[in-house]
Amino acid sequence: MKNEVENKVKQFAKPIVKDLGYELVDVEYEEKENGMNLTLFIDSKDGINLKDCELVSNKLNQPLDELNPTNDESYNFNVSSVGLDRPLKTVDDFLRNINTELEITYNSAKGEKTIKGVLKNVEGNKLKINQKGKPTTLEIEQVVKALPVIEL
């Protein structure tokens, strides 16, 4: 049911969120301390603040009630920013992070490996990474986990 709810809400909410000027990055439906939670993660080129989350939440609250994606099961509805340290999963995630330093764990013939480098380009399903002057190419399918490197 988890994937069913997430997919249904994603399909429904994506155009509404886009019309508001944001990108719907992900939808999560999972149990937490306070019960089931339906969380939409949004982003924009200018970043996300609390007012952005409130706007999207207010715009979707009633339509989601009418959609009834959980078949009358109660849930808490949340809208959140993706956060700076969120894992990159999709081609769009990688495209947004060109010229960003990433830590990437990937599958190789010798097992999982981790590299750090600056993402220089995305061509089809290939990531072009500069590892301290050494060009490296990875297929997106090889990536197990990719995170932006955050300098404090």
N, C-alpha and C. Protein backbone atom coordinates (compact mmCIF):
# COMPACT_ATOMS: atom_id res chain seq x y z
N MET A 1 0.82 -1.20 0.00
CA MET A 1 0.00 0.00 0.00
C MET A 1 0.86 1.26 0.00
N LYS A 2 2.04 1.19 0.65
CA LYS A 2 2.94 2.33 0.76
C LYS A 2 3.27 2.91 -0.62
N ASN A 3 3.77 2.07 -1.52
CA ASN A 3 4.14 2.53 -2.87
C ASN A 3 2.93 3.01 -3.65
N GLU A 4 1.81 2.34 -3.45
CA GLU A 4 0.57 2.71 -4.13
C GLU A 4 0.15 4.14 -3.76
N VAL A 5 0.17 4.43 -2.46
CA VAL A 5 -0.20 5.76 -1.97
C VAL A 5 0.79 6.80 -2.50
N GLU A 6 2.09 6.50 -2.38
CA GLU A 6 3.12 7.45 -2.83
C GLU A 6 2.98 7.76 -4.31
N ASN A 7 2.80 6.73 -5.13
CA ASN A 7 2.67 6.93 -6.58
C ASN A 7 1.41 7.71 -6.94
N LYS A 8 0.30 7.38 -6.29
CA LYS A 8 -0.96 8.05 -6.55
C LYS A 8 -0.86 9.54 -6.20
N VAL A 9 -0.28 9.85 -5.05
CA VAL A 9 -0.15 11.24 -4.61
C VAL A 9 0.83 11.99 -5.50
N LYS A 10 1.93 11.33 -5.87
CA LYS A 10 2.93 11.97 -6.73
C LYS A 10 2.31 12.38 -8.07
N GLN A 11 1.59 11.45 -8.69
CA GLN A 11 0.93 11.73 -9.98
C GLN A 11 -0.07 12.88 -9.85
N PHE A 12 -0.83 12.86 -8.76
CA PHE A 12 -1.87 13.86 -8.55
C PHE A 12 -1.29 15.23 -8.22
N ALA A 13 -0.31 15.27 -7.34
CA ALA A 13 0.20 16.54 -6.81
C ALA A 13 1.23 17.22 -7.71
N LYS A 14 1.94 16.47 -8.52
CA LYS A 14 3.03 17.03 -9.32
C LYS A 14 2.60 18.24 -10.16
N PRO A 15 1.52 18.16 -10.94
CA PRO A 15 1.14 19.34 -11.74
C PRO A 15 0.68 20.53 -10.88
N ILE A 16 0.05 20.25 -9.76
CA ILE A 16 -0.41 21.33 -8.88
C ILE A 16 0.79 22.06 -8.28
N VAL A 17 1.76 21.28 -7.81
CA VAL A 17 2.98 21.85 -7.23
C VAL A 17 3.75 22.64 -8.29
N LYS A 18 3.81 22.11 -9.50
CA LYS A 18 4.50 22.78 -10.60
C LYS A 18 3.84 24.12 -10.93
N ASP A 19 2.50 24.13 -10.95
CA ASP A 19 1.76 25.37 -11.23
C ASP A 19 2.03 26.44 -10.18
N LEU A 20 2.40 26.02 -8.96
CA LEU A 20 2.72 26.96 -7.89
C LEU A 20 4.17 27.46 -8.00
N GLY A 21 4.94 26.88 -8.94
CA GLY A 21 6.32 27.32 -9.15
C GLY A 21 7.36 26.49 -8.43
N TYR A 22 6.98 25.29 -8.01
CA TYR A 22 7.91 24.42 -7.29
C TYR A 22 8.04 23.09 -8.02
N GLU A 23 9.02 22.32 -7.58
CA GLU A 23 9.20 20.97 -8.10
C GLU A 23 8.85 19.98 -6.99
N LEU A 24 8.01 19.01 -7.30
CA LEU A 24 7.73 17.92 -6.36
C LEU A 24 8.85 16.90 -6.55
N VAL A 25 9.71 16.79 -5.55
CA VAL A 25 10.88 15.93 -5.66
C VAL A 25 10.57 14.50 -5.22
N ASP A 26 9.80 14.37 -4.14
CA ASP A 26 9.53 13.03 -3.63
C ASP A 26 8.27 13.05 -2.77
N VAL A 27 7.67 11.88 -2.61
CA VAL A 27 6.53 11.69 -1.72
C VAL A 27 6.85 10.48 -0.85
N GLU A 28 6.63 10.63 0.44
CA GLU A 28 6.90 9.55 1.39
C GLU A 28 5.63 9.28 2.19
N TYR A 29 5.27 8.01 2.32
CA TYR A 29 4.15 7.61 3.16
C TYR A 29 4.68 6.55 4.10
N GLU A 30 4.87 6.92 5.37
CA GLU A 30 5.44 5.96 6.31
C GLU A 30 5.00 6.23 7.73
N GLU A 31 5.14 5.20 8.55
CA GLU A 31 4.74 5.30 9.95
C GLU A 31 5.86 5.95 10.76
N LYS A 32 5.47 6.89 11.59
CA LYS A 32 6.39 7.56 12.52
C LYS A 32 5.76 7.50 13.90
N GLU A 33 6.40 8.16 14.88
CA GLU A 33 5.92 8.11 16.27
C GLU A 33 4.46 8.54 16.38
N ASN A 34 4.03 9.50 15.57
CA ASN A 34 2.69 10.05 15.67
C ASN A 34 1.68 9.40 14.70
N GLY A 35 2.02 8.26 14.14
CA GLY A 35 1.13 7.57 13.22
C GLY A 35 1.63 7.66 11.78
N MET A 36 0.73 7.41 10.84
CA MET A 36 1.12 7.45 9.43
C MET A 36 1.30 8.90 8.98
N ASN A 37 2.35 9.13 8.21
CA ASN A 37 2.67 10.47 7.71
C ASN A 37 2.82 10.44 6.20
N LEU A 38 2.15 11.38 5.55
CA LEU A 38 2.28 11.60 4.11
C LEU A 38 3.06 12.90 3.96
N THR A 39 4.28 12.80 3.45
CA THR A 39 5.14 13.98 3.34
C THR A 39 5.51 14.21 1.89
N LEU A 40 5.29 15.45 1.44
CA LEU A 40 5.72 15.87 0.11
C LEU A 40 6.99 16.68 0.27
N PHE A 41 8.00 16.37 -0.52
CA PHE A 41 9.26 17.11 -0.50
C PHE A 41 9.32 17.97 -1.76
N ILE A 42 9.48 19.28 -1.54
CA ILE A 42 9.48 20.22 -2.65
C ILE A 42 10.81 20.96 -2.73
N ASP A 43 11.07 21.53 -3.90
CA ASP A 43 12.29 22.30 -4.10
C ASP A 43 12.01 23.38 -5.13
N SER A 44 12.89 24.36 -5.18
CA SER A 44 12.86 25.39 -6.22
C SER A 44 14.26 25.93 -6.37
N LYS A 45 14.51 26.61 -7.48
CA LYS A 45 15.86 27.14 -7.71
C LYS A 45 16.24 28.19 -6.67
N ASP A 46 15.23 28.81 -6.04
CA ASP A 46 15.49 29.83 -5.01
C ASP A 46 15.50 29.25 -3.61
N GLY A 47 15.37 27.93 -3.48
CA GLY A 47 15.29 27.31 -2.17
C GLY A 47 13.86 27.32 -1.65
N ILE A 48 13.66 26.74 -0.49
CA ILE A 48 12.33 26.60 0.10
C ILE A 48 12.34 27.16 1.51
N ASN A 49 11.28 27.90 1.85
CA ASN A 49 11.14 28.37 3.22
C ASN A 49 9.77 27.92 3.76
N LEU A 50 9.48 28.29 5.00
CA LEU A 50 8.25 27.86 5.64
C LEU A 50 7.00 28.33 4.88
N LYS A 51 7.03 29.56 4.37
CA LYS A 51 5.87 30.08 3.62
C LYS A 51 5.60 29.25 2.37
N ASP A 52 6.66 28.78 1.71
CA ASP A 52 6.50 27.92 0.53
C ASP A 52 5.79 26.63 0.92
N CYS A 53 6.24 26.03 2.01
CA CYS A 53 5.62 24.78 2.48
C CYS A 53 4.16 24.99 2.85
N GLU A 54 3.87 26.10 3.52
CA GLU A 54 2.48 26.41 3.89
C GLU A 54 1.60 26.60 2.65
N LEU A 55 2.12 27.30 1.66
CA LEU A 55 1.36 27.54 0.43
C LEU A 55 0.99 26.22 -0.25
N VAL A 56 1.97 25.34 -0.41
CA VAL A 56 1.72 24.05 -1.06
C VAL A 56 0.76 23.21 -0.21
N SER A 57 0.97 23.20 1.10
CA SER A 57 0.10 22.45 2.00
C SER A 57 -1.35 22.92 1.90
N ASN A 58 -1.55 24.24 1.95
CA ASN A 58 -2.90 24.80 1.88
C ASN A 58 -3.57 24.50 0.54
N LYS A 59 -2.79 24.53 -0.53
CA LYS A 59 -3.33 24.29 -1.87
C LYS A 59 -3.72 22.82 -2.06
N LEU A 60 -3.01 21.90 -1.39
CA LEU A 60 -3.26 20.46 -1.60
C LEU A 60 -4.13 19.80 -0.54
N ASN A 61 -4.32 20.44 0.60
CA ASN A 61 -5.02 19.80 1.71
C ASN A 61 -6.41 19.29 1.30
N GLN A 62 -7.26 20.16 0.80
CA GLN A 62 -8.62 19.76 0.40
C GLN A 62 -8.62 18.78 -0.79
N PRO A 63 -7.87 19.06 -1.86
CA PRO A 63 -7.85 18.11 -2.99
C PRO A 63 -7.37 16.71 -2.58
N LEU A 64 -6.42 16.63 -1.65
CA LEU A 64 -5.97 15.31 -1.19
C LEU A 64 -7.05 14.59 -0.40
N ASP A 65 -7.81 15.36 0.39
CA ASP A 65 -8.94 14.75 1.11
C ASP A 65 -9.93 14.15 0.11
N GLU A 66 -10.19 14.87 -0.96
CA GLU A 66 -11.11 14.38 -1.99
C GLU A 66 -10.53 13.17 -2.74
N LEU A 67 -9.22 13.19 -2.99
CA LEU A 67 -8.56 12.06 -3.67
C LEU A 67 -8.61 10.80 -2.80
N ASN A 68 -8.48 10.99 -1.48
CA ASN A 68 -8.52 9.89 -0.51
C ASN A 68 -7.52 8.77 -0.86
N PRO A 69 -6.22 9.10 -0.96
CA PRO A 69 -5.23 8.12 -1.41
C PRO A 69 -5.02 6.96 -0.44
N THR A 70 -5.45 7.11 0.81
CA THR A 70 -5.22 6.07 1.82
C THR A 70 -6.50 5.27 2.12
N ASN A 71 -7.52 5.46 1.31
CA ASN A 71 -8.80 4.75 1.51
C ASN A 71 -9.32 4.89 2.94
N ASP A 72 -9.45 6.14 3.36
CA ASP A 72 -10.01 6.52 4.67
C ASP A 72 -9.10 6.20 5.87
N GLU A 73 -7.88 5.74 5.65
CA GLU A 73 -6.93 5.58 6.75
C GLU A 73 -6.42 6.97 7.11
N SER A 74 -6.37 7.28 8.40
CA SER A 74 -5.92 8.62 8.80
C SER A 74 -4.40 8.76 8.63
N TYR A 75 -3.96 9.99 8.38
CA TYR A 75 -2.54 10.28 8.24
C TYR A 75 -2.30 11.76 8.55
N ASN A 76 -1.06 12.07 8.87
CA ASN A 76 -0.63 13.45 9.05
C ASN A 76 -0.02 13.91 7.74
N PHE A 77 -0.44 15.09 7.27
CA PHE A 77 0.04 15.63 6.00
C PHE A 77 1.11 16.68 6.25
N ASN A 78 2.27 16.52 5.61
CA ASN A 78 3.39 17.44 5.78
C ASN A 78 3.95 17.84 4.41
N VAL A 79 4.44 19.06 4.33
CA VAL A 79 5.18 19.51 3.16
C VAL A 79 6.52 20.01 3.68
N SER A 80 7.61 19.57 3.06
CA SER A 80 8.93 19.89 3.56
C SER A 80 9.88 20.21 2.40
N SER A 81 10.94 20.92 2.72
CA SER A 81 12.01 21.10 1.73
C SER A 81 12.81 19.81 1.66
N VAL A 82 13.54 19.64 0.60
CA VAL A 82 14.33 18.41 0.45
C VAL A 82 15.54 18.39 1.37
N GLY A 83 16.02 19.56 1.78
CA GLY A 83 17.19 19.62 2.65
C GLY A 83 18.48 19.59 1.85
N LEU A 84 19.50 20.19 2.41
CA LEU A 84 20.79 20.27 1.73
C LEU A 84 21.49 18.92 1.59
N ASP A 85 21.25 18.03 2.54
CA ASP A 85 21.99 16.78 2.58
C ASP A 85 21.20 15.58 2.07
N ARG A 86 20.19 15.84 1.28
CA ARG A 86 19.35 14.76 0.79
C ARG A 86 20.07 13.96 -0.29
N PRO A 87 19.92 12.64 -0.29
CA PRO A 87 20.55 11.83 -1.33
C PRO A 87 20.00 12.17 -2.71
N LEU A 88 20.87 12.13 -3.71
CA LEU A 88 20.48 12.35 -5.10
C LEU A 88 20.04 11.00 -5.66
N LYS A 89 18.88 10.99 -6.31
CA LYS A 89 18.33 9.73 -6.80
C LYS A 89 18.02 9.74 -8.29
N THR A 90 17.55 10.88 -8.79
CA THR A 90 17.06 10.92 -10.17
C THR A 90 18.01 11.72 -11.06
N VAL A 91 17.81 11.61 -12.36
CA VAL A 91 18.59 12.39 -13.32
C VAL A 91 18.43 13.87 -13.01
N ASP A 92 17.20 14.31 -12.70
CA ASP A 92 16.96 15.72 -12.36
C ASP A 92 17.76 16.14 -11.13
N ASP A 93 17.86 15.25 -10.13
CA ASP A 93 18.66 15.55 -8.95
C ASP A 93 20.11 15.83 -9.35
N PHE A 94 20.64 14.97 -10.22
CA PHE A 94 22.04 15.14 -10.65
C PHE A 94 22.20 16.41 -11.49
N LEU A 95 21.24 16.67 -12.38
CA LEU A 95 21.32 17.88 -13.21
C LEU A 95 21.33 19.14 -12.35
N ARG A 96 20.56 19.15 -11.26
CA ARG A 96 20.52 20.29 -10.35
C ARG A 96 21.84 20.49 -9.61
N ASN A 97 22.65 19.43 -9.57
CA ASN A 97 23.87 19.47 -8.78
C ASN A 97 25.15 19.47 -9.60
N ILE A 98 25.04 19.87 -10.86
CA ILE A 98 26.26 20.03 -11.68
C ILE A 98 27.12 21.10 -11.02
N ASN A 99 28.42 20.86 -11.01
CA ASN A 99 29.44 21.70 -10.36
C ASN A 99 29.37 21.67 -8.84
N THR A 100 28.75 20.62 -8.30
CA THR A 100 28.70 20.40 -6.86
C THR A 100 29.60 19.23 -6.52
N GLU A 101 30.31 19.33 -5.39
CA GLU A 101 31.12 18.20 -4.93
C GLU A 101 30.20 17.17 -4.32
N LEU A 102 30.36 15.91 -4.76
CA LEU A 102 29.53 14.82 -4.28
C LEU A 102 30.38 13.70 -3.70
N GLU A 103 29.79 12.98 -2.77
CA GLU A 103 30.37 11.72 -2.30
C GLU A 103 29.46 10.63 -2.85
N ILE A 104 30.02 9.77 -3.68
CA ILE A 104 29.22 8.78 -4.39
C ILE A 104 29.72 7.38 -4.04
N THR A 105 28.80 6.54 -3.58
CA THR A 105 29.08 5.12 -3.38
C THR A 105 28.45 4.41 -4.57
N TYR A 106 29.23 3.54 -5.21
CA TYR A 106 28.74 2.88 -6.42
C TYR A 106 29.20 1.44 -6.48
N ASN A 107 28.52 0.65 -7.29
CA ASN A 107 28.88 -0.74 -7.51
C ASN A 107 29.90 -0.82 -8.62
N SER A 108 30.99 -1.53 -8.35
CA SER A 108 32.00 -1.78 -9.38
C SER A 108 32.20 -3.28 -9.48
N ALA A 109 33.02 -3.70 -10.40
CA ALA A 109 33.31 -5.13 -10.56
C ALA A 109 33.93 -5.71 -9.29
N LYS A 110 34.57 -4.85 -8.50
CA LYS A 110 35.24 -5.30 -7.25
C LYS A 110 34.41 -5.00 -6.01
N GLY A 111 33.12 -4.75 -6.18
CA GLY A 111 32.25 -4.45 -5.04
C GLY A 111 31.97 -2.97 -4.93
N GLU A 112 31.41 -2.56 -3.79
CA GLU A 112 31.08 -1.14 -3.60
C GLU A 112 32.34 -0.31 -3.37
N LYS A 113 32.36 0.86 -4.00
CA LYS A 113 33.46 1.81 -3.82
C LYS A 113 32.86 3.18 -3.57
N THR A 114 33.62 4.06 -2.92
CA THR A 114 33.17 5.42 -2.66
C THR A 114 34.21 6.39 -3.20
N ILE A 115 33.73 7.42 -3.91
CA ILE A 115 34.62 8.46 -4.42
C ILE A 115 34.05 9.82 -4.05
N LYS A 116 34.93 10.82 -4.06
CA LYS A 116 34.51 12.22 -3.92
C LYS A 116 34.98 12.94 -5.15
N GLY A 117 34.10 13.79 -5.69
CA GLY A 117 34.48 14.55 -6.85
C GLY A 117 33.40 15.55 -7.22
N VAL A 118 33.73 16.43 -8.15
CA VAL A 118 32.78 17.44 -8.61
C VAL A 118 32.05 16.91 -9.83
N LEU A 119 30.72 16.93 -9.77
CA LEU A 119 29.90 16.50 -10.90
C LEU A 119 30.00 17.56 -11.98
N LYS A 120 30.55 17.19 -13.12
CA LYS A 120 30.76 18.16 -14.21
C LYS A 120 29.66 18.12 -15.25
N ASN A 121 29.06 16.95 -15.47
CA ASN A 121 28.04 16.86 -16.51
C ASN A 121 27.22 15.59 -16.33
N VAL A 122 26.03 15.61 -16.90
CA VAL A 122 25.18 14.43 -16.97
C VAL A 122 24.82 14.26 -18.44
N GLU A 123 25.21 13.13 -19.01
CA GLU A 123 24.92 12.84 -20.42
C GLU A 123 24.15 11.53 -20.48
N GLY A 124 22.85 11.64 -20.76
CA GLY A 124 22.01 10.44 -20.76
C GLY A 124 21.98 9.85 -19.37
N ASN A 125 22.49 8.62 -19.24
CA ASN A 125 22.54 7.98 -17.93
C ASN A 125 23.96 7.93 -17.36
N LYS A 126 24.83 8.80 -17.89
CA LYS A 126 26.23 8.82 -17.44
C LYS A 126 26.55 10.09 -16.66
N LEU A 127 27.25 9.92 -15.56
CA LEU A 127 27.72 11.04 -14.74
C LEU A 127 29.19 11.27 -15.05
N LYS A 128 29.55 12.50 -15.37
CA LYS A 128 30.95 12.87 -15.61
C LYS A 128 31.43 13.59 -14.34
N ILE A 129 32.42 12.99 -13.67
CA ILE A 129 32.89 13.50 -12.39
C ILE A 129 34.37 13.83 -12.48
N ASN A 130 34.76 14.95 -11.89
CA ASN A 130 36.16 15.34 -11.82
C ASN A 130 36.66 15.02 -10.42
N GLN A 131 37.54 14.04 -10.33
CA GLN A 131 38.13 13.62 -9.07
C GLN A 131 39.54 14.19 -8.98
N LYS A 132 39.68 15.39 -8.42
CA LYS A 132 40.99 16.03 -8.29
C LYS A 132 41.75 16.01 -9.61
N GLY A 133 41.07 16.45 -10.68
CA GLY A 133 41.71 16.52 -12.00
C GLY A 133 41.60 15.25 -12.81
N LYS A 134 41.14 14.17 -12.22
CA LYS A 134 41.01 12.90 -12.93
C LYS A 134 39.55 12.69 -13.33
N PRO A 135 39.27 12.71 -14.67
CA PRO A 135 37.88 12.50 -15.10
C PRO A 135 37.42 11.06 -14.85
N THR A 136 36.22 10.92 -14.33
CA THR A 136 35.63 9.62 -14.05
C THR A 136 34.21 9.61 -14.59
N THR A 137 33.81 8.50 -15.19
CA THR A 137 32.45 8.36 -15.69
C THR A 137 31.78 7.19 -14.98
N LEU A 138 30.57 7.44 -14.48
CA LEU A 138 29.78 6.39 -13.85
C LEU A 138 28.40 6.34 -14.49
N GLU A 139 27.84 5.17 -14.58
CA GLU A 139 26.45 5.03 -15.01
C GLU A 139 25.57 5.28 -13.78
N ILE A 140 24.47 5.98 -13.97
CA ILE A 140 23.58 6.27 -12.83
C ILE A 140 23.12 4.96 -12.17
N GLU A 141 22.92 3.91 -12.95
CA GLU A 141 22.48 2.63 -12.40
C GLU A 141 23.49 2.04 -11.43
N GLN A 142 24.78 2.42 -11.54
CA GLN A 142 25.81 1.92 -10.63
C GLN A 142 25.73 2.58 -9.25
N VAL A 143 25.13 3.77 -9.19
CA VAL A 143 25.14 4.56 -7.96
C VAL A 143 24.25 3.92 -6.90
N VAL A 144 24.86 3.66 -5.74
CA VAL A 144 24.13 3.14 -4.59
C VAL A 144 23.64 4.32 -3.75
N LYS A 145 24.53 5.32 -3.59
CA LYS A 145 24.19 6.50 -2.79
C LYS A 145 25.04 7.67 -3.27
N ALA A 146 24.40 8.81 -3.42
CA ALA A 146 25.12 10.04 -3.81
C ALA A 146 24.64 11.17 -2.92
N LEU A 147 25.59 11.82 -2.26
CA LEU A 147 25.27 12.93 -1.35
C LEU A 147 26.13 14.14 -1.66
N PRO A 148 25.54 15.34 -1.58
CA PRO A 148 26.37 16.55 -1.71
C PRO A 148 27.32 16.63 -0.52
N VAL A 149 28.54 17.09 -0.77
CA VAL A 149 29.50 17.30 0.31
C VAL A 149 29.22 18.68 0.89
N ILE A 150 28.94 18.72 2.18
CA ILE A 150 28.62 20.00 2.83
C ILE A 150 29.79 20.41 3.71
N GLU A 151 30.36 21.55 3.36
CA GLU A 151 31.47 22.08 4.14
C GLU A 151 30.91 22.97 5.24
N LEU A 152 31.34 22.73 6.46
CA LEU A 152 30.87 23.55 7.58
C LEU A 152 31.90 24.58 7.97
